[in-house]
Amino acid sequence: MENLIMYDFMVEIQLPSAMTDDFVSKIPHQRIAVDRLVQLGKIRSYSLSLERRKLWLIATCESEIQVEDLLSQFPIYDYISYEIFKLNFHNTSAIGFPQFSLN
């Protein structure tokens, strides 16, 4: 039987201290990959530090192994190190669109 319980995981990603041309060339592809994973509901949030040395993301997966599989899809994967934390909960504010009035 397949595990149907989904958990939230926080991933802290350390970016390289030297931004090589090869790494920088992968950033647009990274953004596309992350946008796709957000649309699929696999990534709930994705944040970059002001200094551009750390990323944090919240992933919704069945297991830590599934999180690692998700991270391995990142174009920047060969340049990063990371630590995964299984969360008890993750609260966020709901973002919605304003309701339109027909009056």
N, C-alpha and C. Protein backbone atom coordinates (compact mmCIF):
# COMPACT_ATOMS: atom_id res chain seq x y z
N MET A 1 0.84 -1.19 0.00
CA MET A 1 0.00 0.00 0.00
C MET A 1 0.88 1.24 0.00
N GLU A 2 0.52 2.19 -0.80
CA GLU A 2 1.30 3.42 -0.94
C GLU A 2 1.01 4.37 0.21
N ASN A 3 2.06 5.05 0.68
CA ASN A 3 1.91 6.05 1.74
C ASN A 3 1.24 7.29 1.16
N LEU A 4 0.04 7.61 1.67
CA LEU A 4 -0.70 8.76 1.16
C LEU A 4 -0.62 9.96 2.08
N ILE A 5 0.15 9.85 3.15
CA ILE A 5 0.29 10.97 4.08
C ILE A 5 1.38 11.89 3.56
N MET A 6 1.03 13.17 3.43
CA MET A 6 1.98 14.16 2.96
C MET A 6 2.46 14.99 4.15
N TYR A 7 3.73 15.31 4.14
CA TYR A 7 4.34 16.11 5.21
C TYR A 7 4.97 17.36 4.60
N ASP A 8 5.11 18.37 5.43
CA ASP A 8 5.86 19.56 5.02
C ASP A 8 7.29 19.43 5.52
N PHE A 9 8.21 19.80 4.67
CA PHE A 9 9.63 19.78 4.98
C PHE A 9 10.20 21.17 4.68
N MET A 10 11.03 21.66 5.59
CA MET A 10 11.77 22.89 5.30
C MET A 10 13.16 22.47 4.84
N VAL A 11 13.59 23.08 3.76
CA VAL A 11 14.93 22.80 3.24
C VAL A 11 15.72 24.10 3.30
N GLU A 12 16.87 24.02 3.95
CA GLU A 12 17.80 25.16 3.99
C GLU A 12 18.93 24.83 3.02
N ILE A 13 19.08 25.68 2.02
CA ILE A 13 20.05 25.43 0.95
C ILE A 13 21.16 26.47 1.02
N GLN A 14 22.38 25.98 1.02
CA GLN A 14 23.56 26.85 0.99
C GLN A 14 24.00 26.99 -0.46
N LEU A 15 24.03 28.21 -0.95
CA LEU A 15 24.48 28.48 -2.31
C LEU A 15 26.00 28.66 -2.33
N PRO A 16 26.62 28.51 -3.49
CA PRO A 16 28.08 28.66 -3.55
C PRO A 16 28.51 30.09 -3.24
N SER A 17 29.67 30.21 -2.61
CA SER A 17 30.18 31.55 -2.28
C SER A 17 30.70 32.25 -3.53
N ALA A 18 31.17 31.49 -4.50
CA ALA A 18 31.64 32.07 -5.76
C ALA A 18 30.59 31.81 -6.83
N MET A 19 30.04 32.88 -7.37
CA MET A 19 29.02 32.77 -8.41
C MET A 19 29.71 32.69 -9.78
N THR A 20 29.98 31.47 -10.22
CA THR A 20 30.65 31.28 -11.51
C THR A 20 29.67 31.55 -12.65
N ASP A 21 30.21 31.76 -13.83
CA ASP A 21 29.37 31.98 -15.01
C ASP A 21 28.45 30.79 -15.25
N ASP A 22 28.98 29.58 -15.04
CA ASP A 22 28.17 28.38 -15.25
C ASP A 22 26.99 28.34 -14.28
N PHE A 23 27.25 28.67 -13.01
CA PHE A 23 26.17 28.70 -12.02
C PHE A 23 25.13 29.76 -12.39
N VAL A 24 25.58 30.96 -12.71
CA VAL A 24 24.67 32.06 -13.05
C VAL A 24 23.83 31.71 -14.27
N SER A 25 24.40 30.98 -15.23
CA SER A 25 23.65 30.61 -16.44
C SER A 25 22.51 29.64 -16.13
N LYS A 26 22.58 28.96 -15.00
CA LYS A 26 21.54 28.01 -14.61
C LYS A 26 20.38 28.66 -13.85
N ILE A 27 20.55 29.89 -13.41
CA ILE A 27 19.52 30.55 -12.59
C ILE A 27 18.18 30.68 -13.32
N PRO A 28 18.13 31.12 -14.58
CA PRO A 28 16.82 31.19 -15.25
C PRO A 28 16.13 29.82 -15.33
N HIS A 29 16.91 28.77 -15.55
CA HIS A 29 16.34 27.42 -15.60
C HIS A 29 15.87 26.97 -14.22
N GLN A 30 16.58 27.40 -13.19
CA GLN A 30 16.17 27.11 -11.81
C GLN A 30 14.82 27.75 -11.52
N ARG A 31 14.66 28.98 -11.91
CA ARG A 31 13.39 29.68 -11.65
C ARG A 31 12.23 29.00 -12.36
N ILE A 32 12.45 28.54 -13.57
CA ILE A 32 11.41 27.82 -14.32
C ILE A 32 11.06 26.52 -13.60
N ALA A 33 12.08 25.79 -13.15
CA ALA A 33 11.85 24.52 -12.45
C ALA A 33 11.07 24.75 -11.16
N VAL A 34 11.45 25.77 -10.41
CA VAL A 34 10.76 26.07 -9.15
C VAL A 34 9.32 26.49 -9.43
N ASP A 35 9.10 27.34 -10.42
CA ASP A 35 7.74 27.76 -10.76
C ASP A 35 6.86 26.55 -11.10
N ARG A 36 7.42 25.61 -11.83
CA ARG A 36 6.67 24.40 -12.20
C ARG A 36 6.32 23.58 -10.96
N LEU A 37 7.27 23.43 -10.04
CA LEU A 37 7.04 22.66 -8.82
C LEU A 37 6.05 23.37 -7.89
N VAL A 38 6.04 24.70 -7.91
CA VAL A 38 5.04 25.45 -7.14
C VAL A 38 3.66 25.20 -7.73
N GLN A 39 3.55 25.26 -9.04
CA GLN A 39 2.25 25.03 -9.69
C GLN A 39 1.73 23.63 -9.43
N LEU A 40 2.63 22.67 -9.31
CA LEU A 40 2.24 21.28 -9.03
C LEU A 40 1.93 21.06 -7.55
N GLY A 41 2.20 22.06 -6.72
CA GLY A 41 1.93 21.94 -5.29
C GLY A 41 3.01 21.21 -4.51
N LYS A 42 4.14 20.96 -5.14
CA LYS A 42 5.23 20.27 -4.45
C LYS A 42 6.08 21.22 -3.63
N ILE A 43 6.16 22.48 -4.05
CA ILE A 43 6.84 23.52 -3.27
C ILE A 43 5.79 24.54 -2.88
N ARG A 44 5.72 24.83 -1.57
CA ARG A 44 4.74 25.80 -1.06
C ARG A 44 5.32 27.20 -0.97
N SER A 45 6.60 27.30 -0.69
CA SER A 45 7.26 28.61 -0.62
C SER A 45 8.73 28.44 -0.96
N TYR A 46 9.32 29.54 -1.42
CA TYR A 46 10.71 29.52 -1.89
C TYR A 46 11.26 30.91 -1.65
N SER A 47 12.31 31.02 -0.85
CA SER A 47 12.84 32.33 -0.45
C SER A 47 14.35 32.37 -0.60
N LEU A 48 14.85 33.54 -0.99
CA LEU A 48 16.28 33.78 -1.16
C LEU A 48 16.71 34.87 -0.19
N SER A 49 17.83 34.65 0.51
CA SER A 49 18.33 35.66 1.43
C SER A 49 18.82 36.88 0.65
N LEU A 50 18.80 38.02 1.31
CA LEU A 50 19.23 39.27 0.68
C LEU A 50 20.67 39.16 0.17
N GLU A 51 21.50 38.43 0.90
CA GLU A 51 22.91 38.27 0.51
C GLU A 51 23.09 37.25 -0.62
N ARG A 52 22.02 36.57 -0.99
CA ARG A 52 22.03 35.56 -2.06
C ARG A 52 22.97 34.40 -1.76
N ARG A 53 23.00 34.00 -0.50
CA ARG A 53 23.84 32.87 -0.11
C ARG A 53 23.03 31.68 0.40
N LYS A 54 21.75 31.93 0.72
CA LYS A 54 20.89 30.86 1.23
C LYS A 54 19.52 30.92 0.58
N LEU A 55 18.97 29.74 0.38
CA LEU A 55 17.59 29.58 -0.04
C LEU A 55 16.87 28.78 1.03
N TRP A 56 15.59 29.07 1.19
CA TRP A 56 14.75 28.25 2.05
C TRP A 56 13.52 27.88 1.24
N LEU A 57 13.08 26.65 1.39
CA LEU A 57 11.84 26.27 0.73
C LEU A 57 11.05 25.33 1.63
N ILE A 58 9.74 25.35 1.41
CA ILE A 58 8.85 24.41 2.06
C ILE A 58 8.35 23.48 0.97
N ALA A 59 8.62 22.19 1.13
CA ALA A 59 8.18 21.18 0.17
C ALA A 59 7.15 20.28 0.83
N THR A 60 6.16 19.88 0.07
CA THR A 60 5.14 18.95 0.55
C THR A 60 5.38 17.62 -0.15
N CYS A 61 5.81 16.63 0.64
CA CYS A 61 6.18 15.33 0.09
C CYS A 61 5.80 14.23 1.08
N GLU A 62 5.89 12.99 0.62
CA GLU A 62 5.60 11.85 1.49
C GLU A 62 6.77 11.50 2.40
N SER A 63 8.00 11.80 1.96
CA SER A 63 9.18 11.38 2.71
C SER A 63 10.37 12.29 2.41
N GLU A 64 11.38 12.17 3.23
CA GLU A 64 12.62 12.92 3.00
C GLU A 64 13.28 12.49 1.69
N ILE A 65 13.16 11.23 1.36
CA ILE A 65 13.72 10.73 0.10
C ILE A 65 13.05 11.42 -1.08
N GLN A 66 11.73 11.62 -0.98
CA GLN A 66 11.01 12.32 -2.05
C GLN A 66 11.47 13.78 -2.15
N VAL A 67 11.79 14.40 -1.01
CA VAL A 67 12.32 15.77 -1.03
C VAL A 67 13.67 15.78 -1.75
N GLU A 68 14.52 14.81 -1.45
CA GLU A 68 15.82 14.73 -2.11
C GLU A 68 15.65 14.52 -3.62
N ASP A 69 14.68 13.71 -4.01
CA ASP A 69 14.40 13.52 -5.44
C ASP A 69 13.97 14.83 -6.09
N LEU A 70 13.15 15.59 -5.37
CA LEU A 70 12.69 16.89 -5.86
C LEU A 70 13.89 17.83 -6.04
N LEU A 71 14.76 17.88 -5.03
CA LEU A 71 15.94 18.76 -5.11
C LEU A 71 16.87 18.37 -6.25
N SER A 72 16.96 17.08 -6.53
CA SER A 72 17.85 16.61 -7.60
C SER A 72 17.39 17.09 -8.97
N GLN A 73 16.14 17.56 -9.08
CA GLN A 73 15.63 18.12 -10.34
C GLN A 73 16.11 19.55 -10.57
N PHE A 74 16.66 20.18 -9.54
CA PHE A 74 17.09 21.58 -9.66
C PHE A 74 18.30 21.69 -10.59
N PRO A 75 18.27 22.60 -11.54
CA PRO A 75 19.43 22.83 -12.40
C PRO A 75 20.69 23.22 -11.61
N ILE A 76 20.52 23.82 -10.42
CA ILE A 76 21.68 24.23 -9.61
C ILE A 76 22.12 23.14 -8.63
N TYR A 77 21.55 21.96 -8.73
CA TYR A 77 21.77 20.90 -7.74
C TYR A 77 23.26 20.62 -7.48
N ASP A 78 24.07 20.59 -8.51
CA ASP A 78 25.49 20.27 -8.35
C ASP A 78 26.28 21.34 -7.62
N TYR A 79 25.67 22.49 -7.38
CA TYR A 79 26.37 23.62 -6.75
C TYR A 79 25.94 23.87 -5.31
N ILE A 80 25.00 23.11 -4.81
CA ILE A 80 24.41 23.42 -3.50
C ILE A 80 24.69 22.33 -2.48
N SER A 81 24.58 22.73 -1.23
CA SER A 81 24.47 21.76 -0.13
C SER A 81 23.18 22.13 0.60
N TYR A 82 22.60 21.17 1.29
CA TYR A 82 21.31 21.44 1.91
C TYR A 82 21.10 20.58 3.15
N GLU A 83 20.14 21.01 3.94
CA GLU A 83 19.70 20.27 5.11
C GLU A 83 18.17 20.26 5.08
N ILE A 84 17.59 19.10 5.37
CA ILE A 84 16.14 18.92 5.31
C ILE A 84 15.61 18.74 6.73
N PHE A 85 14.52 19.45 7.03
CA PHE A 85 13.87 19.37 8.34
C PHE A 85 12.41 19.00 8.14
N LYS A 86 11.96 17.92 8.75
CA LYS A 86 10.54 17.54 8.71
C LYS A 86 9.80 18.42 9.71
N LEU A 87 8.73 19.06 9.25
CA LEU A 87 8.00 20.01 10.09
C LEU A 87 6.78 19.37 10.75
N ASN A 88 6.48 19.84 11.93
CA ASN A 88 5.24 19.46 12.61
C ASN A 88 4.07 20.20 11.98
N PHE A 89 4.28 21.48 11.66
CA PHE A 89 3.28 22.27 10.95
C PHE A 89 3.97 23.45 10.29
N HIS A 90 3.26 24.06 9.35
CA HIS A 90 3.74 25.26 8.67
C HIS A 90 2.52 26.12 8.37
N ASN A 91 2.41 27.24 9.05
CA ASN A 91 1.29 28.16 8.84
C ASN A 91 1.70 29.27 7.89
N THR A 92 0.81 29.61 6.99
CA THR A 92 1.01 30.75 6.10
C THR A 92 -0.30 31.51 6.00
N SER A 93 -0.20 32.76 5.62
CA SER A 93 -1.42 33.53 5.43
C SER A 93 -1.99 33.20 4.06
N ALA A 94 -3.29 33.18 3.98
CA ALA A 94 -3.95 32.90 2.71
C ALA A 94 -3.89 34.15 1.84
N ILE A 95 -3.50 33.96 0.62
CA ILE A 95 -3.47 35.06 -0.34
C ILE A 95 -4.63 34.85 -1.29
N GLY A 96 -5.44 35.84 -1.41
CA GLY A 96 -6.60 35.70 -2.29
C GLY A 96 -6.76 36.91 -3.17
N PHE A 97 -7.66 36.81 -4.07
CA PHE A 97 -7.98 37.91 -4.95
C PHE A 97 -9.16 38.68 -4.37
N PRO A 98 -9.20 39.97 -4.57
CA PRO A 98 -10.34 40.73 -4.06
C PRO A 98 -11.62 40.26 -4.73
N GLN A 99 -12.69 40.27 -3.96
CA GLN A 99 -13.97 39.89 -4.52
C GLN A 99 -14.57 41.07 -5.27
N PHE A 100 -15.14 40.78 -6.41
CA PHE A 100 -15.75 41.82 -7.22
C PHE A 100 -17.23 41.92 -6.88
N SER A 101 -17.71 43.12 -6.87
CA SER A 101 -19.13 43.37 -6.61
C SER A 101 -19.84 43.59 -7.93
N LEU A 102 -21.01 42.99 -8.05
CA LEU A 102 -21.80 43.18 -9.27
C LEU A 102 -22.69 44.41 -9.18
N ASN A 103 -22.64 45.12 -8.08
CA ASN A 103 -23.46 46.33 -7.90
C ASN A 103 -22.84 47.52 -8.57
